[in-house]
Amino acid sequence: MPFINSKVSITMTQEEKEKIKSRFGEAIRLVPGKSEDWLMVGFEDSYDLYFQGNQDAPTAFVEVKIYGGASRQAFDKLTEEICGIFEEELKIPKERIYIKYEEVENWGWNGSNF
C-alpha cells in the first residue's frame, strides 16, 4: 500500500504524468514486498516551492508513504531512482529534490484496516 505524492514547481503535461506514474510503478519494486498492484500516485504541479530562498530552478518535494516498513537500503535505492526519474523526465536537478519517507502502521482500504 505505497503512496507517492509529488509537488513540483513546473507545469506537467498529462503525458509526463503518465510516464512518471509508470516509472514509479517499476521503482516501487525496489522496496521488498511492494508493487504497482497497490501503488497510488498523486501529482501537484505548478506548486509554489522555494528552495534555498529562491525559485531559480525547477524544484520537487516528494512524499513516499509505505504501509509497514522498509530498510534504509531500500529507501536509499528508491531515492536514487525517484531523483533520476524527475531529472530525466522533468529536468529537475537532483540537488533540488527532497524526498520524505513515512512508514505507516495503520492503513485503511475497502472499509476496513490492514
C-alpha atoms as a PDB file:
ATOM      1  CA  MET A   1       0.000   0.000   0.000  1.00  0.00           C
ATOM      2  CA  PRO A   2       2.514   2.628  -1.008  1.00  0.00           C
ATOM      3  CA  PHE A   3       1.528   6.174  -1.903  1.00  0.00           C
ATOM      4  CA  ILE A   4       3.841   8.536  -3.768  1.00  0.00           C
ATOM      5  CA  ASN A   5       2.762  12.167  -3.915  1.00  0.00           C
ATOM      6  CA  SER A   6       4.847  14.862  -5.553  1.00  0.00           C
ATOM      7  CA  LYS A   7       4.732  18.618  -5.559  1.00  0.00           C
ATOM      8  CA  VAL A   8       6.682  20.186  -8.418  1.00  0.00           C
ATOM      9  CA  SER A   9       7.231  23.815  -9.286  1.00  0.00           C
ATOM     10  CA  ILE A  10       6.654  23.295 -13.010  1.00  0.00           C
ATOM     11  CA  THR A  11       3.561  22.522 -15.058  1.00  0.00           C
ATOM     12  CA  MET A  12       3.333  18.895 -16.125  1.00  0.00           C
ATOM     13  CA  THR A  13       1.614  17.528 -19.198  1.00  0.00           C
ATOM     14  CA  GLN A  14      -0.696  14.523 -18.924  1.00  0.00           C
ATOM     15  CA  GLU A  15       1.871  12.561 -20.929  1.00  0.00           C
ATOM     16  CA  GLU A  16       4.595  13.385 -18.374  1.00  0.00           C
ATOM     17  CA  LYS A  17       2.319  12.340 -15.521  1.00  0.00           C
ATOM     18  CA  GLU A  18       1.571   9.020 -17.214  1.00  0.00           C
ATOM     19  CA  LYS A  19       5.244   8.355 -17.905  1.00  0.00           C
ATOM     20  CA  ILE A  20       6.314   9.176 -14.345  1.00  0.00           C
ATOM     21  CA  LYS A  21       3.424   7.159 -12.878  1.00  0.00           C
ATOM     22  CA  SER A  22       4.586   4.144 -14.903  1.00  0.00           C
ATOM     23  CA  ARG A  23       8.183   4.611 -13.833  1.00  0.00           C
ATOM     24  CA  PHE A  24       7.104   4.874 -10.173  1.00  0.00           C
ATOM     25  CA  GLY A  25       5.302   1.566 -10.689  1.00  0.00           C
ATOM     26  CA  GLU A  26       8.604  -0.028 -11.654  1.00  0.00           C
ATOM     27  CA  ALA A  27      10.633   1.791  -8.991  1.00  0.00           C
ATOM     28  CA  ILE A  28       8.415   0.781  -6.066  1.00  0.00           C
ATOM     29  CA  ARG A  29       9.615  -2.806  -6.557  1.00  0.00           C
ATOM     30  CA  LEU A  30      12.896  -1.670  -5.002  1.00  0.00           C
ATOM     31  CA  VAL A  31      11.064  -1.877  -1.678  1.00  0.00           C
ATOM     32  CA  PRO A  32      10.644  -5.568  -0.791  1.00  0.00           C
ATOM     33  CA  GLY A  33       7.015  -6.675  -0.819  1.00  0.00           C
ATOM     34  CA  LYS A  34       5.753  -3.584  -2.690  1.00  0.00           C
ATOM     35  CA  SER A  35       4.442  -3.470  -6.247  1.00  0.00           C
ATOM     36  CA  GLU A  36       2.447  -1.335  -8.639  1.00  0.00           C
ATOM     37  CA  ASP A  37      -0.596  -3.514  -7.856  1.00  0.00           C
ATOM     38  CA  TRP A  38      -1.231  -1.460  -4.682  1.00  0.00           C
ATOM     39  CA  LEU A  39       0.566   1.781  -5.592  1.00  0.00           C
ATOM     40  CA  MET A  40      -1.317   5.077  -5.537  1.00  0.00           C
ATOM     41  CA  VAL A  41       0.314   8.124  -7.171  1.00  0.00           C
ATOM     42  CA  GLY A  42      -0.597  11.794  -6.898  1.00  0.00           C
ATOM     43  CA  PHE A  43       0.756  14.896  -8.631  1.00  0.00           C
ATOM     44  CA  GLU A  44       0.564  18.541  -7.630  1.00  0.00           C
ATOM     45  CA  ASP A  45       2.174  20.610 -10.360  1.00  0.00           C
ATOM     46  CA  SER A  46       2.677  24.373 -10.708  1.00  0.00           C
ATOM     47  CA  TYR A  47       3.258  24.359  -6.944  1.00  0.00           C
ATOM     48  CA  ASP A  48       4.971  27.352  -5.341  1.00  0.00           C
ATOM     49  CA  LEU A  49       8.180  25.861  -3.971  1.00  0.00           C
ATOM     50  CA  TYR A  50      11.128  27.859  -2.693  1.00  0.00           C
ATOM     51  CA  PHE A  51      14.462  26.136  -2.172  1.00  0.00           C
ATOM     52  CA  GLN A  52      17.426  27.912  -0.609  1.00  0.00           C
ATOM     53  CA  GLY A  53      15.266  31.038  -0.558  1.00  0.00           C
ATOM     54  CA  ASN A  54      14.567  31.141  -4.284  1.00  0.00           C
ATOM     55  CA  GLN A  55      12.594  29.791  -7.211  1.00  0.00           C
ATOM     56  CA  ASP A  56      15.533  29.985  -9.628  1.00  0.00           C
ATOM     57  CA  ALA A  57      15.179  26.425 -10.930  1.00  0.00           C
ATOM     58  CA  PRO A  58      12.603  23.636 -11.048  1.00  0.00           C
ATOM     59  CA  THR A  59      12.089  22.055  -7.633  1.00  0.00           C
ATOM     60  CA  ALA A  60      10.289  18.984  -6.264  1.00  0.00           C
ATOM     61  CA  PHE A  61       9.102  17.685  -2.906  1.00  0.00           C
ATOM     62  CA  VAL A  62       8.117  14.012  -2.895  1.00  0.00           C
ATOM     63  CA  GLU A  63       6.369  12.085  -0.131  1.00  0.00           C
ATOM     64  CA  VAL A  64       6.515   8.302  -0.048  1.00  0.00           C
ATOM     65  CA  LYS A  65       4.222   6.566   2.422  1.00  0.00           C
ATOM     66  CA  ILE A  66       4.641   2.855   2.981  1.00  0.00           C
ATOM     67  CA  TYR A  67       2.365   0.539   4.955  1.00  0.00           C
ATOM     68  CA  GLY A  68       4.636  -1.291   7.356  1.00  0.00           C
ATOM     69  CA  GLY A  69       8.311  -0.584   6.977  1.00  0.00           C
ATOM     70  CA  ALA A  70      11.358  -0.981   4.815  1.00  0.00           C
ATOM     71  CA  SER A  71      15.123  -0.988   5.217  1.00  0.00           C
ATOM     72  CA  ARG A  72      17.337   2.062   4.911  1.00  0.00           C
ATOM     73  CA  GLN A  73      18.964   0.367   1.901  1.00  0.00           C
ATOM     74  CA  ALA A  74      15.603   0.048   0.106  1.00  0.00           C
ATOM     75  CA  PHE A  75      14.827   3.715   0.748  1.00  0.00           C
ATOM     76  CA  ASP A  76      18.320   4.705  -0.483  1.00  0.00           C
ATOM     77  CA  LYS A  77      17.734   2.843  -3.754  1.00  0.00           C
ATOM     78  CA  LEU A  78      14.261   4.346  -4.148  1.00  0.00           C
ATOM     79  CA  THR A  79      15.612   7.857  -3.513  1.00  0.00           C
ATOM     80  CA  GLU A  80      18.205   7.376  -6.240  1.00  0.00           C
ATOM     81  CA  GLU A  81      15.544   6.126  -8.648  1.00  0.00           C
ATOM     82  CA  ILE A  82      12.968   8.851  -7.894  1.00  0.00           C
ATOM     83  CA  CYS A  83      15.577  11.596  -8.267  1.00  0.00           C
ATOM     84  CA  GLY A  84      16.663  10.071 -11.581  1.00  0.00           C
ATOM     85  CA  ILE A  85      13.081   9.932 -12.830  1.00  0.00           C
ATOM     86  CA  PHE A  86      12.422  13.600 -12.073  1.00  0.00           C
ATOM     87  CA  GLU A  87      15.755  14.665 -13.538  1.00  0.00           C
ATOM     88  CA  GLU A  88      15.238  12.676 -16.750  1.00  0.00           C
ATOM     89  CA  GLU A  89      11.536  13.339 -17.285  1.00  0.00           C
ATOM     90  CA  LEU A  90      11.148  16.906 -15.963  1.00  0.00           C
ATOM     91  CA  LYS A  91      14.725  18.252 -15.915  1.00  0.00           C
ATOM     92  CA  ILE A  92      14.524  18.898 -12.174  1.00  0.00           C
ATOM     93  CA  PRO A  93      18.091  18.784 -10.790  1.00  0.00           C
ATOM     94  CA  LYS A  94      18.641  16.109  -8.159  1.00  0.00           C
ATOM     95  CA  GLU A  95      20.010  18.731  -5.801  1.00  0.00           C
ATOM     96  CA  ARG A  96      16.603  20.486  -5.848  1.00  0.00           C
ATOM     97  CA  ILE A  97      14.580  17.436  -4.810  1.00  0.00           C
ATOM     98  CA  TYR A  98      13.605  16.471  -1.281  1.00  0.00           C
ATOM     99  CA  ILE A  99      12.049  13.087  -0.555  1.00  0.00           C
ATOM    100  CA  LYS A 100      10.261  12.325   2.706  1.00  0.00           C
ATOM    101  CA  TYR A 101       9.570   8.746   3.764  1.00  0.00           C
ATOM    102  CA  GLU A 102       6.856   7.751   6.175  1.00  0.00           C
ATOM    103  CA  GLU A 103       6.254   4.248   7.465  1.00  0.00           C
ATOM    104  CA  VAL A 104       2.593   3.835   8.376  1.00  0.00           C
ATOM    105  CA  GLU A 105       1.326   1.322  10.912  1.00  0.00           C
ATOM    106  CA  ASN A 106      -2.396   1.799  10.278  1.00  0.00           C
ATOM    107  CA  TRP A 107      -3.746   1.814   6.735  1.00  0.00           C
ATOM    108  CA  GLY A 108      -7.395   1.613   5.727  1.00  0.00           C
ATOM    109  CA  TRP A 109      -8.836   0.272   2.490  1.00  0.00           C
ATOM    110  CA  ASN A 110     -12.159  -1.075   1.322  1.00  0.00           C
ATOM    111  CA  GLY A 111     -13.991  -0.234   4.536  1.00  0.00           C
ATOM    112  CA  SER A 112     -11.503  -1.787   6.972  1.00  0.00           C
ATOM    113  CA  ASN A 113      -7.887  -1.556   8.129  1.00  0.00           C
ATOM    114  CA  PHE A 114      -4.955  -3.811   7.435  1.00  0.00           C
END
